[in-house]
PDB file of all heavy atoms in Angstrom:
ATOM      1  N   LEU A   1      89.039  96.227  89.524  1.00  0.00           N
ATOM      2  CA  LEU A   1      87.986  97.276  89.622  1.00  0.00           C
ATOM      3  C   LEU A   1      87.645  97.830  88.299  1.00  0.00           C
ATOM      4  O   LEU A   1      86.527  98.079  87.944  1.00  0.00           O
ATOM      5  CB  LEU A   1      88.332  98.302  90.616  1.00  0.00           C
ATOM      6  CG  LEU A   1      88.391  97.857  92.144  1.00  0.00           C
ATOM      7  CD1 LEU A   1      88.597  99.047  93.042  1.00  0.00           C
ATOM      8  CD2 LEU A   1      87.124  97.116  92.558  1.00  0.00           C
ATOM      9  N   TYR A   2      88.736  98.140  87.493  1.00  0.00           N
ATOM     10  CA  TYR A   2      88.517  98.746  86.141  1.00  0.00           C
ATOM     11  C   TYR A   2      87.760  97.774  85.278  1.00  0.00           C
ATOM     12  O   TYR A   2      86.785  98.146  84.573  1.00  0.00           O
ATOM     13  CB  TYR A   2      89.838  99.110  85.632  1.00  0.00           C
ATOM     14  CG  TYR A   2      89.754  99.452  84.064  1.00  0.00           C
ATOM     15  CD1 TYR A   2      89.012 100.590  83.699  1.00  0.00           C
ATOM     16  CD2 TYR A   2      90.375  98.580  83.118  1.00  0.00           C
ATOM     17  CE1 TYR A   2      88.932 100.867  82.292  1.00  0.00           C
ATOM     18  CE2 TYR A   2      90.246  98.969  81.776  1.00  0.00           C
ATOM     19  CZ  TYR A   2      89.550 100.015  81.416  1.00  0.00           C
ATOM     20  OH  TYR A   2      89.484 100.294  80.053  1.00  0.00           O
ATOM     21  N   ARG A   3      88.206  96.443  85.319  1.00  0.00           N
ATOM     22  CA  ARG A   3      87.460  95.487  84.487  1.00  0.00           C
ATOM     23  C   ARG A   3      86.032  95.315  84.991  1.00  0.00           C
ATOM     24  O   ARG A   3      85.143  95.028  84.117  1.00  0.00           O
ATOM     25  CB  ARG A   3      88.263  94.186  84.483  1.00  0.00           C
ATOM     26  CG  ARG A   3      89.739  94.323  83.965  1.00  0.00           C
ATOM     27  CD  ARG A   3      89.713  94.585  82.469  1.00  0.00           C
ATOM     28  NE  ARG A   3      89.213  93.605  81.648  1.00  0.00           N
ATOM     29  CZ  ARG A   3      89.768  92.597  81.129  1.00  0.00           C
ATOM     30  NH1 ARG A   3      91.134  92.464  81.325  1.00  0.00           N
ATOM     31  NH2 ARG A   3      89.195  91.775  80.349  1.00  0.00           N
ATOM     32  N   GLU A   4      85.795  95.469  86.257  1.00  0.00           N
ATOM     33  CA  GLU A   4      84.454  95.189  86.833  1.00  0.00           C
ATOM     34  C   GLU A   4      83.562  96.356  86.642  1.00  0.00           C
ATOM     35  O   GLU A   4      82.413  96.210  86.208  1.00  0.00           O
ATOM     36  CB  GLU A   4      84.594  94.966  88.335  1.00  0.00           C
ATOM     37  CG  GLU A   4      83.304  94.511  88.988  1.00  0.00           C
ATOM     38  CD  GLU A   4      82.982  93.038  88.775  1.00  0.00           C
ATOM     39  OE1 GLU A   4      83.946  92.262  88.243  1.00  0.00           O
ATOM     40  OE2 GLU A   4      81.934  92.581  89.088  1.00  0.00           O
ATOM     41  N   PHE A   5      84.021  97.619  86.728  1.00  0.00           N
ATOM     42  CA  PHE A   5      83.173  98.787  86.701  1.00  0.00           C
ATOM     43  C   PHE A   5      83.380  99.676  85.469  1.00  0.00           C
ATOM     44  O   PHE A   5      82.565 100.592  85.278  1.00  0.00           O
ATOM     45  CB  PHE A   5      83.365  99.589  88.023  1.00  0.00           C
ATOM     46  CG  PHE A   5      83.037  98.830  89.309  1.00  0.00           C
ATOM     47  CD1 PHE A   5      84.018  98.751  90.265  1.00  0.00           C
ATOM     48  CD2 PHE A   5      81.868  98.204  89.473  1.00  0.00           C
ATOM     49  CE1 PHE A   5      83.752  98.082  91.443  1.00  0.00           C
ATOM     50  CE2 PHE A   5      81.589  97.495  90.604  1.00  0.00           C
ATOM     51  CZ  PHE A   5      82.549  97.423  91.570  1.00  0.00           C
ATOM     52  N   GLY A   6      84.507  99.510  84.851  1.00  0.00           N
ATOM     53  CA  GLY A   6      84.821 100.392  83.647  1.00  0.00           C
ATOM     54  C   GLY A   6      85.227 101.792  83.935  1.00  0.00           C
ATOM     55  O   GLY A   6      85.226 102.540  83.030  1.00  0.00           O
ATOM     56  N   ASP A   7      85.542 102.096  85.126  1.00  0.00           N
ATOM     57  CA  ASP A   7      85.952 103.455  85.570  1.00  0.00           C
ATOM     58  C   ASP A   7      87.469 103.624  85.181  1.00  0.00           C
ATOM     59  O   ASP A   7      88.287 103.005  85.734  1.00  0.00           O
ATOM     60  CB  ASP A   7      85.726 103.693  87.026  1.00  0.00           C
ATOM     61  CG  ASP A   7      86.008 105.175  87.416  1.00  0.00           C
ATOM     62  OD1 ASP A   7      86.626 105.921  86.679  1.00  0.00           O
ATOM     63  OD2 ASP A   7      85.492 105.560  88.485  1.00  0.00           O
ATOM     64  N   PRO A   8      87.727 104.501  84.182  1.00  0.00           N
ATOM     65  CA  PRO A   8      89.154 104.688  83.824  1.00  0.00           C
ATOM     66  C   PRO A   8      90.028 105.209  84.922  1.00  0.00           C
ATOM     67  O   PRO A   8      91.283 105.008  84.898  1.00  0.00           O
ATOM     68  CB  PRO A   8      89.094 105.676  82.662  1.00  0.00           C
ATOM     69  CG  PRO A   8      87.766 106.328  82.766  1.00  0.00           C
ATOM     70  CD  PRO A   8      86.775 105.401  83.371  1.00  0.00           C
ATOM     71  N   ALA A   9      89.479 105.846  85.943  1.00  0.00           N
ATOM     72  CA  ALA A   9      90.265 106.317  87.026  1.00  0.00           C
ATOM     73  C   ALA A   9      90.986 105.125  87.753  1.00  0.00           C
ATOM     74  O   ALA A   9      92.088 105.290  88.291  1.00  0.00           O
ATOM     75  CB  ALA A   9      89.437 107.106  88.044  1.00  0.00           C
ATOM     76  N   TYR A  10      90.238 104.051  87.820  1.00  0.00           N
ATOM     77  CA  TYR A  10      90.907 102.815  88.503  1.00  0.00           C
ATOM     78  C   TYR A  10      92.013 102.254  87.623  1.00  0.00           C
ATOM     79  O   TYR A  10      93.106 101.910  88.217  1.00  0.00           O
ATOM     80  CB  TYR A  10      89.806 101.747  88.699  1.00  0.00           C
ATOM     81  CG  TYR A  10      88.746 102.063  89.754  1.00  0.00           C
ATOM     82  CD1 TYR A  10      87.449 101.628  89.534  1.00  0.00           C
ATOM     83  CD2 TYR A  10      89.080 102.851  90.869  1.00  0.00           C
ATOM     84  CE1 TYR A  10      86.435 101.917  90.535  1.00  0.00           C
ATOM     85  CE2 TYR A  10      88.177 103.089  91.773  1.00  0.00           C
ATOM     86  CZ  TYR A  10      86.841 102.638  91.657  1.00  0.00           C
ATOM     87  OH  TYR A  10      85.878 102.922  92.582  1.00  0.00           O
ATOM     88  N   LEU A  11      91.879 102.274  86.369  1.00  0.00           N
ATOM     89  CA  LEU A  11      93.016 101.927  85.507  1.00  0.00           C
ATOM     90  C   LEU A  11      94.202 102.894  85.590  1.00  0.00           C
ATOM     91  O   LEU A  11      95.372 102.437  85.725  1.00  0.00           O
ATOM     92  CB  LEU A  11      92.554 101.786  83.956  1.00  0.00           C
ATOM     93  CG  LEU A  11      93.661 101.371  83.039  1.00  0.00           C
ATOM     94  CD1 LEU A  11      94.226  99.982  83.378  1.00  0.00           C
ATOM     95  CD2 LEU A  11      93.060 101.366  81.650  1.00  0.00           C
ATOM     96  N   ASP A  12      93.879 104.116  85.638  1.00  0.00           N
ATOM     97  CA  ASP A  12      94.954 105.115  85.807  1.00  0.00           C
ATOM     98  C   ASP A  12      95.779 104.865  87.133  1.00  0.00           C
ATOM     99  O   ASP A  12      97.032 105.008  87.098  1.00  0.00           O
ATOM    100  CB  ASP A  12      94.464 106.571  85.865  1.00  0.00           C
ATOM    101  CG  ASP A  12      93.870 106.959  84.499  1.00  0.00           C
ATOM    102  OD1 ASP A  12      94.175 106.303  83.500  1.00  0.00           O
ATOM    103  OD2 ASP A  12      93.071 107.950  84.414  1.00  0.00           O
ATOM    104  N   PHE A  13      95.050 104.514  88.254  1.00  0.00           N
ATOM    105  CA  PHE A  13      95.780 104.279  89.504  1.00  0.00           C
ATOM    106  C   PHE A  13      96.586 103.051  89.416  1.00  0.00           C
ATOM    107  O   PHE A  13      97.667 103.029  89.997  1.00  0.00           O
ATOM    108  CB  PHE A  13      94.736 104.222  90.612  1.00  0.00           C
ATOM    109  CG  PHE A  13      95.403 104.286  92.020  1.00  0.00           C
ATOM    110  CD1 PHE A  13      95.873 105.496  92.464  1.00  0.00           C
ATOM    111  CD2 PHE A  13      95.573 103.146  92.691  1.00  0.00           C
ATOM    112  CE1 PHE A  13      96.497 105.592  93.686  1.00  0.00           C
ATOM    113  CE2 PHE A  13      96.215 103.192  93.986  1.00  0.00           C
ATOM    114  CZ  PHE A  13      96.619 104.399  94.406  1.00  0.00           C
ATOM    115  N   SER A  14      96.038 102.028  88.724  1.00  0.00           N
ATOM    116  CA  SER A  14      96.793 100.844  88.556  1.00  0.00           C
ATOM    117  C   SER A  14      98.104 101.151  87.817  1.00  0.00           C
ATOM    118  O   SER A  14      99.106 100.570  88.172  1.00  0.00           O
ATOM    119  CB  SER A  14      95.922  99.727  87.760  1.00  0.00           C
ATOM    120  OG  SER A  14      96.635  98.507  87.784  1.00  0.00           O
ATOM    121  N   LYS A  15      98.046 101.978  86.798  1.00  0.00           N
ATOM    122  CA  LYS A  15      99.253 102.292  86.067  1.00  0.00           C
ATOM    123  C   LYS A  15     100.152 103.126  86.886  1.00  0.00           C
ATOM    124  O   LYS A  15     101.386 102.959  86.707  1.00  0.00           O
ATOM    125  CB  LYS A  15      98.846 103.036  84.798  1.00  0.00           C
ATOM    126  CG  LYS A  15      98.127 102.135  83.751  1.00  0.00           C
ATOM    127  CD  LYS A  15      97.777 102.927  82.451  1.00  0.00           C
ATOM    128  CE  LYS A  15      97.113 101.925  81.448  1.00  0.00           C
ATOM    129  NZ  LYS A  15      96.765 102.660  80.219  1.00  0.00           N
ATOM    130  N   ARG A  16      99.674 103.909  87.805  1.00  0.00           N
ATOM    131  CA  ARG A  16     100.497 104.618  88.708  1.00  0.00           C
ATOM    132  C   ARG A  16     101.311 103.700  89.654  1.00  0.00           C
ATOM    133  O   ARG A  16     102.555 103.802  89.856  1.00  0.00           O
ATOM    134  CB  ARG A  16      99.808 105.583  89.672  1.00  0.00           C
ATOM    135  CG  ARG A  16      99.559 107.000  88.990  1.00  0.00           C
ATOM    136  CD  ARG A  16      98.618 107.813  89.862  1.00  0.00           C
ATOM    137  NE  ARG A  16      99.142 108.018  91.194  1.00  0.00           N
ATOM    138  CZ  ARG A  16      98.511 108.561  92.182  1.00  0.00           C
ATOM    139  NH1 ARG A  16      97.200 108.909  92.064  1.00  0.00           N
ATOM    140  NH2 ARG A  16      99.025 108.679  93.423  1.00  0.00           N
ATOM    141  N   VAL A  17     100.562 102.656  90.106  1.00  0.00           N
ATOM    142  CA  VAL A  17     101.224 101.587  90.890  1.00  0.00           C
ATOM    143  C   VAL A  17     102.255 100.922  90.109  1.00  0.00           C
ATOM    144  O   VAL A  17     103.383 100.614  90.597  1.00  0.00           O
ATOM    145  CB  VAL A  17     100.148 100.670  91.481  1.00  0.00           C
ATOM    146  CG1 VAL A  17     100.761  99.456  92.151  1.00  0.00           C
ATOM    147  CG2 VAL A  17      99.250 101.327  92.421  1.00  0.00           C
ATOM    148  N   ALA A  18     101.983 100.594  88.869  1.00  0.00           N
ATOM    149  CA  ALA A  18     102.966  99.829  88.011  1.00  0.00           C
ATOM    150  C   ALA A  18     104.157 100.651  87.734  1.00  0.00           C
ATOM    151  O   ALA A  18     105.285 100.184  87.694  1.00  0.00           O
ATOM    152  CB  ALA A  18     102.267  99.499  86.641  1.00  0.00           C
ATOM    153  N   ALA A  19     103.998 101.976  87.577  1.00  0.00           N
ATOM    154  CA  ALA A  19     105.088 102.849  87.400  1.00  0.00           C
ATOM    155  C   ALA A  19     106.054 102.871  88.624  1.00  0.00           C
ATOM    156  O   ALA A  19     107.284 102.824  88.447  1.00  0.00           O
ATOM    157  CB  ALA A  19     104.631 104.323  87.150  1.00  0.00           C
ATOM    158  N   ARG A  20     105.423 102.830  89.820  1.00  0.00           N
ATOM    159  CA  ARG A  20     106.206 102.771  91.037  1.00  0.00           C
ATOM    160  C   ARG A  20     106.923 101.431  91.055  1.00  0.00           C
ATOM    161  O   ARG A  20     108.104 101.330  91.452  1.00  0.00           O
ATOM    162  CB  ARG A  20     105.271 102.949  92.200  1.00  0.00           C
ATOM    163  CG  ARG A  20     105.988 102.889  93.560  1.00  0.00           C
ATOM    164  CD  ARG A  20     106.934 104.139  93.761  1.00  0.00           C
ATOM    165  NE  ARG A  20     107.418 104.072  95.100  1.00  0.00           N
ATOM    166  CZ  ARG A  20     108.554 104.660  95.472  1.00  0.00           C
ATOM    167  NH1 ARG A  20     109.310 105.340  94.532  1.00  0.00           N
ATOM    168  NH2 ARG A  20     109.028 104.628  96.734  1.00  0.00           N
ATOM    169  N   LEU A  21     106.276 100.349  90.682  1.00  0.00           N
ATOM    170  CA  LEU A  21     106.848  99.054  90.664  1.00  0.00           C
ATOM    171  C   LEU A  21     108.090  98.992  89.748  1.00  0.00           C
ATOM    172  O   LEU A  21     109.165  98.428  90.095  1.00  0.00           O
ATOM    173  CB  LEU A  21     105.843  97.997  90.099  1.00  0.00           C
ATOM    174  CG  LEU A  21     105.064  97.136  91.097  1.00  0.00           C
ATOM    175  CD1 LEU A  21     104.129  96.281  90.423  1.00  0.00           C
ATOM    176  CD2 LEU A  21     106.059  96.275  92.082  1.00  0.00           C
ATOM    177  N   LEU A  22     107.947  99.523  88.527  1.00  0.00           N
ATOM    178  CA  LEU A  22     109.039  99.557  87.604  1.00  0.00           C
ATOM    179  C   LEU A  22     110.241 100.437  88.060  1.00  0.00           C
ATOM    180  O   LEU A  22     111.391 100.013  87.803  1.00  0.00           O
ATOM    181  CB  LEU A  22     108.587  99.960  86.149  1.00  0.00           C
ATOM    182  CG  LEU A  22     107.497  99.130  85.564  1.00  0.00           C
ATOM    183  CD1 LEU A  22     107.115  99.598  84.163  1.00  0.00           C
ATOM    184  CD2 LEU A  22     107.934  97.673  85.540  1.00  0.00           C
ATOM    185  N   ALA A  23     109.862 101.450  88.749  1.00  0.00           N
ATOM    186  CA  ALA A  23     110.834 102.388  89.236  1.00  0.00           C
ATOM    187  C   ALA A  23     111.732 101.681  90.405  1.00  0.00           C
ATOM    188  O   ALA A  23     112.921 101.976  90.621  1.00  0.00           O
ATOM    189  CB  ALA A  23     110.333 103.695  89.777  1.00  0.00           C
ATOM    190  N   LYS A  24     111.073 100.802  91.128  1.00  0.00           N
ATOM    191  CA  LYS A  24     111.772 100.151  92.203  1.00  0.00           C
ATOM    192  C   LYS A  24     112.482  98.825  91.816  1.00  0.00           C
ATOM    193  O   LYS A  24     113.213  98.196  92.605  1.00  0.00           O
ATOM    194  CB  LYS A  24     110.751  99.747  93.325  1.00  0.00           C
ATOM    195  CG  LYS A  24     110.145 100.930  94.055  1.00  0.00           C
ATOM    196  CD  LYS A  24     109.040 100.506  95.029  1.00  0.00           C
ATOM    197  CE  LYS A  24     109.526  99.637  96.186  1.00  0.00           C
ATOM    198  NZ  LYS A  24     110.423 100.436  97.135  1.00  0.00           N
ATOM    199  N   ALA A  25     112.263  98.398  90.604  1.00  0.00           N
ATOM    200  CA  ALA A  25     112.868  97.158  90.103  1.00  0.00           C
ATOM    201  C   ALA A  25     114.387  97.297  89.946  1.00  0.00           C
ATOM    202  O   ALA A  25     114.932  98.420  89.684  1.00  0.00           O
ATOM    203  CB  ALA A  25     112.241  96.759  88.815  1.00  0.00           C
TER     204      ALA A  25
END
């Protein structure tokens, strides 16, 4: 969605998800 629409809020949420992923690894 970030690449499609350019809304940085979508990239921020993707990074929140990635942070959770790394914490669960």
